[in-house]
Amino acid sequence: MTAWLKRRVSDARAYIALFEEAAARAAARAGCDGIVCGHIHHAAIREIDGVLYCNDGDWVENCLSLIENLNGKITLHYWSEFRARLPTRKELEPMRNFPGVAHPVPQIRSASSR
């Protein structure tokens, strides 16, 4: 059983590497500096023969996303990292009518008021 699992993992890694290299070659042929892919459940940011290869893995199983900052740097992030930092409804309530908020926070309604 262990040998079978090791072979399957090795086969999957080889397939993923072939996919990444093929995607990078296609981007290079098209004159692109990089390529963004997804859906193969293997997140990665790496350079392949001078092409930036980015894969966000997947949103359903791993809840990963790629984010590009204002300086052009691309990083991988788990949704759980952001979710932990989101304000609660209770924390948002005092801001609802705050005049200094550039984009007003929408009014929070309970299910009973809908």
N, C-alpha and C. Protein backbone atom coordinates (compact mmCIF):
# COMPACT_ATOMS: atom_id res chain seq x y z
N MET A 1 0.82 -1.19 0.00
CA MET A 1 0.00 0.00 0.00
C MET A 1 0.87 1.26 0.00
N THR A 2 1.91 1.31 0.81
CA THR A 2 2.77 2.48 0.88
C THR A 2 3.44 2.75 -0.46
N ALA A 3 3.92 1.71 -1.12
CA ALA A 3 4.57 1.87 -2.42
C ALA A 3 3.59 2.43 -3.44
N TRP A 4 2.35 1.96 -3.40
CA TRP A 4 1.32 2.45 -4.32
C TRP A 4 1.07 3.94 -4.10
N LEU A 5 0.93 4.34 -2.82
CA LEU A 5 0.71 5.74 -2.50
C LEU A 5 1.89 6.61 -2.94
N LYS A 6 3.10 6.15 -2.68
CA LYS A 6 4.29 6.93 -3.08
C LYS A 6 4.32 7.11 -4.59
N ARG A 7 3.99 6.04 -5.34
CA ARG A 7 4.00 6.11 -6.79
C ARG A 7 2.92 7.09 -7.28
N ARG A 8 1.73 7.04 -6.67
CA ARG A 8 0.63 7.93 -7.07
C ARG A 8 1.01 9.39 -6.80
N VAL A 9 1.61 9.66 -5.65
CA VAL A 9 2.03 11.02 -5.32
C VAL A 9 3.11 11.46 -6.29
N SER A 10 4.05 10.58 -6.57
CA SER A 10 5.12 10.90 -7.51
C SER A 10 4.56 11.17 -8.90
N ASP A 11 3.58 10.36 -9.33
CA ASP A 11 2.93 10.57 -10.63
C ASP A 11 2.23 11.93 -10.67
N ALA A 12 1.54 12.28 -9.60
CA ALA A 12 0.82 13.55 -9.54
C ALA A 12 1.79 14.71 -9.58
N ARG A 13 2.87 14.62 -8.85
CA ARG A 13 3.89 15.69 -8.86
C ARG A 13 4.48 15.86 -10.26
N ALA A 14 4.75 14.74 -10.93
CA ALA A 14 5.31 14.81 -12.28
C ALA A 14 4.32 15.47 -13.24
N TYR A 15 3.05 15.12 -13.13
CA TYR A 15 2.01 15.70 -13.98
C TYR A 15 1.91 17.21 -13.73
N ILE A 16 1.91 17.61 -12.48
CA ILE A 16 1.82 19.03 -12.14
C ILE A 16 3.02 19.79 -12.69
N ALA A 17 4.22 19.23 -12.54
CA ALA A 17 5.42 19.88 -13.06
C ALA A 17 5.33 20.04 -14.58
N LEU A 18 4.85 19.01 -15.28
CA LEU A 18 4.69 19.11 -16.74
C LEU A 18 3.68 20.20 -17.11
N PHE A 19 2.59 20.28 -16.36
CA PHE A 19 1.58 21.31 -16.61
C PHE A 19 2.18 22.70 -16.41
N GLU A 20 2.89 22.90 -15.30
CA GLU A 20 3.48 24.20 -15.00
C GLU A 20 4.46 24.62 -16.09
N GLU A 21 5.30 23.69 -16.52
CA GLU A 21 6.30 23.99 -17.55
C GLU A 21 5.63 24.29 -18.89
N ALA A 22 4.59 23.55 -19.24
CA ALA A 22 3.86 23.78 -20.50
C ALA A 22 3.17 25.16 -20.47
N ALA A 23 2.59 25.51 -19.34
CA ALA A 23 1.92 26.81 -19.20
C ALA A 23 2.94 27.94 -19.34
N ALA A 24 4.09 27.79 -18.71
CA ALA A 24 5.14 28.82 -18.79
C ALA A 24 5.66 28.95 -20.22
N ARG A 25 5.85 27.83 -20.91
CA ARG A 25 6.30 27.88 -22.31
C ARG A 25 5.26 28.59 -23.19
N ALA A 26 3.98 28.30 -22.97
CA ALA A 26 2.92 28.95 -23.75
C ALA A 26 2.91 30.46 -23.51
N ALA A 27 3.11 30.85 -22.24
CA ALA A 27 3.16 32.29 -21.92
C ALA A 27 4.35 32.94 -22.60
N ALA A 28 5.50 32.28 -22.58
CA ALA A 28 6.70 32.83 -23.21
C ALA A 28 6.50 32.97 -24.72
N ARG A 29 5.91 31.97 -25.37
CA ARG A 29 5.64 32.03 -26.81
C ARG A 29 4.70 33.20 -27.15
N ALA A 30 3.79 33.50 -26.24
CA ALA A 30 2.85 34.60 -26.45
C ALA A 30 3.45 35.96 -26.09
N GLY A 31 4.70 35.96 -25.64
CA GLY A 31 5.38 37.20 -25.29
C GLY A 31 4.97 37.76 -23.93
N CYS A 32 4.45 36.90 -23.07
CA CYS A 32 4.01 37.33 -21.74
C CYS A 32 5.12 37.16 -20.70
N ASP A 33 5.10 37.99 -19.69
CA ASP A 33 6.06 37.90 -18.59
C ASP A 33 5.67 36.83 -17.58
N GLY A 34 4.38 36.50 -17.55
CA GLY A 34 3.90 35.53 -16.58
C GLY A 34 2.57 34.95 -16.97
N ILE A 35 2.12 34.00 -16.17
CA ILE A 35 0.85 33.35 -16.41
C ILE A 35 0.20 33.02 -15.07
N VAL A 36 -1.13 33.18 -15.00
CA VAL A 36 -1.89 32.86 -13.80
C VAL A 36 -2.82 31.70 -14.13
N CYS A 37 -2.72 30.65 -13.34
CA CYS A 37 -3.54 29.45 -13.54
C CYS A 37 -4.25 29.10 -12.24
N GLY A 38 -5.11 28.12 -12.32
CA GLY A 38 -5.81 27.65 -11.13
C GLY A 38 -6.44 26.31 -11.38
N HIS A 39 -7.18 25.84 -10.44
CA HIS A 39 -8.02 24.66 -10.53
C HIS A 39 -7.30 23.33 -10.37
N ILE A 40 -5.98 23.28 -10.38
CA ILE A 40 -5.32 21.98 -10.24
C ILE A 40 -4.98 21.65 -8.78
N HIS A 41 -5.46 22.48 -7.86
CA HIS A 41 -5.32 22.22 -6.42
C HIS A 41 -3.87 22.16 -5.96
N HIS A 42 -3.00 22.85 -6.67
CA HIS A 42 -1.59 22.92 -6.28
C HIS A 42 -1.13 24.37 -6.43
N ALA A 43 -1.20 25.11 -5.35
CA ALA A 43 -0.83 26.53 -5.38
C ALA A 43 0.68 26.69 -5.53
N ALA A 44 1.07 27.69 -6.31
CA ALA A 44 2.50 27.93 -6.52
C ALA A 44 2.72 29.32 -7.09
N ILE A 45 3.85 29.89 -6.71
CA ILE A 45 4.37 31.09 -7.36
C ILE A 45 5.85 30.81 -7.57
N ARG A 46 6.23 30.70 -8.82
CA ARG A 46 7.65 30.43 -9.09
C ARG A 46 8.01 30.89 -10.50
N GLU A 47 9.29 31.04 -10.71
CA GLU A 47 9.77 31.43 -12.02
C GLU A 47 10.21 30.18 -12.77
N ILE A 48 9.75 30.07 -14.00
CA ILE A 48 10.12 28.94 -14.86
C ILE A 48 10.70 29.52 -16.14
N ASP A 49 11.98 29.36 -16.33
CA ASP A 49 12.67 29.85 -17.53
C ASP A 49 12.34 31.32 -17.83
N GLY A 50 12.36 32.15 -16.79
CA GLY A 50 12.14 33.58 -16.95
C GLY A 50 10.68 34.01 -16.98
N VAL A 51 9.76 33.07 -16.83
CA VAL A 51 8.33 33.39 -16.83
C VAL A 51 7.80 33.18 -15.41
N LEU A 52 7.04 34.16 -14.92
CA LEU A 52 6.44 34.02 -13.60
C LEU A 52 5.20 33.14 -13.71
N TYR A 53 5.22 31.99 -13.04
CA TYR A 53 4.10 31.06 -13.03
C TYR A 53 3.38 31.20 -11.69
N CYS A 54 2.08 31.52 -11.76
CA CYS A 54 1.27 31.66 -10.55
C CYS A 54 0.06 30.74 -10.66
N ASN A 55 -0.20 30.01 -9.60
CA ASN A 55 -1.38 29.15 -9.57
C ASN A 55 -2.03 29.32 -8.21
N ASP A 56 -3.31 29.69 -8.21
CA ASP A 56 -4.00 29.92 -6.94
C ASP A 56 -4.54 28.64 -6.33
N GLY A 57 -4.21 27.51 -6.89
CA GLY A 57 -4.65 26.23 -6.33
C GLY A 57 -6.13 26.04 -6.55
N ASP A 58 -6.92 26.40 -5.58
CA ASP A 58 -8.37 26.30 -5.71
C ASP A 58 -9.03 27.14 -4.63
N TRP A 59 -10.28 27.48 -4.86
CA TRP A 59 -11.03 28.26 -3.88
C TRP A 59 -11.87 27.36 -3.00
N VAL A 60 -12.31 26.23 -3.51
CA VAL A 60 -13.26 25.38 -2.78
C VAL A 60 -12.59 24.57 -1.66
N GLU A 61 -11.54 23.87 -1.98
CA GLU A 61 -10.91 22.97 -0.99
C GLU A 61 -9.93 23.69 -0.07
N ASN A 62 -9.06 24.52 -0.64
CA ASN A 62 -8.02 25.17 0.16
C ASN A 62 -8.30 26.65 0.44
N CYS A 63 -9.28 27.21 -0.24
CA CYS A 63 -9.66 28.63 -0.05
C CYS A 63 -8.46 29.56 -0.21
N LEU A 64 -7.75 29.40 -1.30
CA LEU A 64 -6.57 30.22 -1.59
C LEU A 64 -6.87 31.25 -2.67
N SER A 65 -6.16 32.34 -2.61
CA SER A 65 -6.27 33.34 -3.66
C SER A 65 -4.91 33.99 -3.89
N LEU A 66 -4.75 34.53 -5.08
CA LEU A 66 -3.56 35.30 -5.41
C LEU A 66 -3.92 36.77 -5.28
N ILE A 67 -3.03 37.54 -4.67
CA ILE A 67 -3.26 38.97 -4.51
C ILE A 67 -2.02 39.71 -5.00
N GLU A 68 -2.25 40.69 -5.86
CA GLU A 68 -1.15 41.54 -6.33
C GLU A 68 -1.23 42.86 -5.58
N ASN A 69 -0.12 43.26 -4.94
CA ASN A 69 -0.13 44.52 -4.21
C ASN A 69 0.16 45.68 -5.16
N LEU A 70 0.15 46.89 -4.64
CA LEU A 70 0.34 48.08 -5.47
C LEU A 70 1.72 48.15 -6.12
N ASN A 71 2.68 47.42 -5.59
CA ASN A 71 4.03 47.39 -6.16
C ASN A 71 4.20 46.27 -7.18
N GLY A 72 3.13 45.51 -7.43
CA GLY A 72 3.19 44.44 -8.42
C GLY A 72 3.61 43.09 -7.88
N LYS A 73 3.84 42.98 -6.58
CA LYS A 73 4.22 41.69 -6.00
C LYS A 73 2.97 40.83 -5.81
N ILE A 74 3.06 39.57 -6.23
CA ILE A 74 1.95 38.63 -6.12
C ILE A 74 2.24 37.66 -4.98
N THR A 75 1.24 37.49 -4.12
CA THR A 75 1.38 36.58 -2.98
C THR A 75 0.14 35.70 -2.87
N LEU A 76 0.30 34.55 -2.22
CA LEU A 76 -0.79 33.62 -1.96
C LEU A 76 -1.36 33.87 -0.58
N HIS A 77 -2.69 33.79 -0.45
CA HIS A 77 -3.32 34.01 0.84
C HIS A 77 -4.47 33.03 1.06
N TYR A 78 -4.58 32.56 2.28
CA TYR A 78 -5.71 31.71 2.67
C TYR A 78 -6.85 32.60 3.12
N TRP A 79 -8.09 32.25 2.74
CA TRP A 79 -9.27 33.00 3.17
C TRP A 79 -9.32 33.10 4.68
N SER A 80 -8.92 32.04 5.39
CA SER A 80 -8.99 32.04 6.85
C SER A 80 -8.16 33.18 7.45
N GLU A 81 -7.07 33.58 6.78
CA GLU A 81 -6.25 34.70 7.26
C GLU A 81 -7.06 35.99 7.26
N PHE A 82 -7.83 36.21 6.20
CA PHE A 82 -8.63 37.42 6.08
C PHE A 82 -9.87 37.34 6.95
N ARG A 83 -10.50 36.21 6.99
CA ARG A 83 -11.73 36.06 7.76
C ARG A 83 -11.50 36.39 9.23
N ALA A 84 -10.34 35.98 9.74
CA ALA A 84 -10.03 36.24 11.15
C ALA A 84 -9.91 37.74 11.42
N ARG A 85 -9.59 38.55 10.40
CA ARG A 85 -9.40 39.99 10.57
C ARG A 85 -10.63 40.83 10.22
N LEU A 86 -11.68 40.19 9.69
CA LEU A 86 -12.87 40.95 9.33
C LEU A 86 -13.59 41.45 10.57
N PRO A 87 -14.12 42.67 10.52
CA PRO A 87 -14.86 43.17 11.68
C PRO A 87 -16.20 42.43 11.82
N THR A 88 -16.64 42.31 13.03
CA THR A 88 -17.93 41.69 13.29
C THR A 88 -19.04 42.71 13.05
N ARG A 89 -20.27 42.27 13.00
CA ARG A 89 -21.40 43.19 12.85
C ARG A 89 -21.42 44.19 14.00
N LYS A 90 -21.11 43.71 15.18
CA LYS A 90 -21.11 44.58 16.36
C LYS A 90 -20.06 45.69 16.21
N GLU A 91 -18.90 45.35 15.66
CA GLU A 91 -17.84 46.34 15.46
C GLU A 91 -18.20 47.33 14.35
N LEU A 92 -18.95 46.91 13.35
CA LEU A 92 -19.33 47.79 12.24
C LEU A 92 -20.44 48.76 12.62
N GLU A 93 -21.29 48.39 13.52
CA GLU A 93 -22.47 49.19 13.86
C GLU A 93 -22.14 50.65 14.20
N PRO A 94 -21.15 50.97 15.03
CA PRO A 94 -20.87 52.38 15.34
C PRO A 94 -20.41 53.18 14.12
N MET A 95 -19.88 52.52 13.10
CA MET A 95 -19.37 53.21 11.91
C MET A 95 -20.47 53.53 10.90
N ARG A 96 -21.66 52.98 11.10
CA ARG A 96 -22.72 53.09 10.10
C ARG A 96 -23.00 54.52 9.69
N ASN A 97 -23.06 55.44 10.62
CA ASN A 97 -23.38 56.83 10.29
C ASN A 97 -22.20 57.78 10.54
N PHE A 98 -20.99 57.25 10.57
CA PHE A 98 -19.81 58.06 10.82
C PHE A 98 -19.51 58.92 9.60
N PRO A 99 -19.49 60.27 9.75
CA PRO A 99 -19.33 61.15 8.59
C PRO A 99 -17.97 61.05 7.91
N GLY A 100 -16.94 60.55 8.60
CA GLY A 100 -15.60 60.49 8.01
C GLY A 100 -15.35 59.28 7.14
N VAL A 101 -16.29 58.37 7.03
CA VAL A 101 -16.10 57.16 6.22
C VAL A 101 -16.36 57.52 4.76
N ALA A 102 -15.36 57.33 3.91
CA ALA A 102 -15.48 57.69 2.49
C ALA A 102 -16.57 56.87 1.80
N HIS A 103 -16.64 55.60 2.10
CA HIS A 103 -17.67 54.72 1.54
C HIS A 103 -18.50 54.22 2.70
N PRO A 104 -19.67 54.77 2.90
CA PRO A 104 -20.46 54.40 4.08
C PRO A 104 -20.70 52.90 4.17
N VAL A 105 -20.63 52.42 5.37
CA VAL A 105 -20.90 51.02 5.63
C VAL A 105 -22.40 50.81 5.47
N PRO A 106 -22.83 49.79 4.69
CA PRO A 106 -24.26 49.59 4.49
C PRO A 106 -24.97 49.32 5.80
N GLN A 107 -26.20 49.73 5.87
CA GLN A 107 -26.98 49.50 7.08
C GLN A 107 -27.15 48.00 7.28
N ILE A 108 -26.90 47.57 8.50
CA ILE A 108 -27.00 46.16 8.83
C ILE A 108 -28.41 45.87 9.33
N ARG A 109 -29.08 44.98 8.65
CA ARG A 109 -30.45 44.63 9.05
C ARG A 109 -30.47 43.19 9.54
N SER A 110 -31.27 42.95 10.50
CA SER A 110 -31.42 41.59 11.00
C SER A 110 -32.37 40.84 10.08
N ALA A 111 -32.37 39.53 10.16
CA ALA A 111 -33.23 38.72 9.33
C ALA A 111 -34.70 39.05 9.57
N SER A 112 -35.06 39.46 10.79
CA SER A 112 -36.46 39.76 11.10
C SER A 112 -36.93 41.07 10.48
N SER A 113 -36.00 41.97 10.09
CA SER A 113 -36.40 43.25 9.52
C SER A 113 -36.49 43.21 8.00
N ARG A 114 -36.22 42.08 7.39
CA ARG A 114 -36.24 41.97 5.92
C ARG A 114 -37.62 41.69 5.41
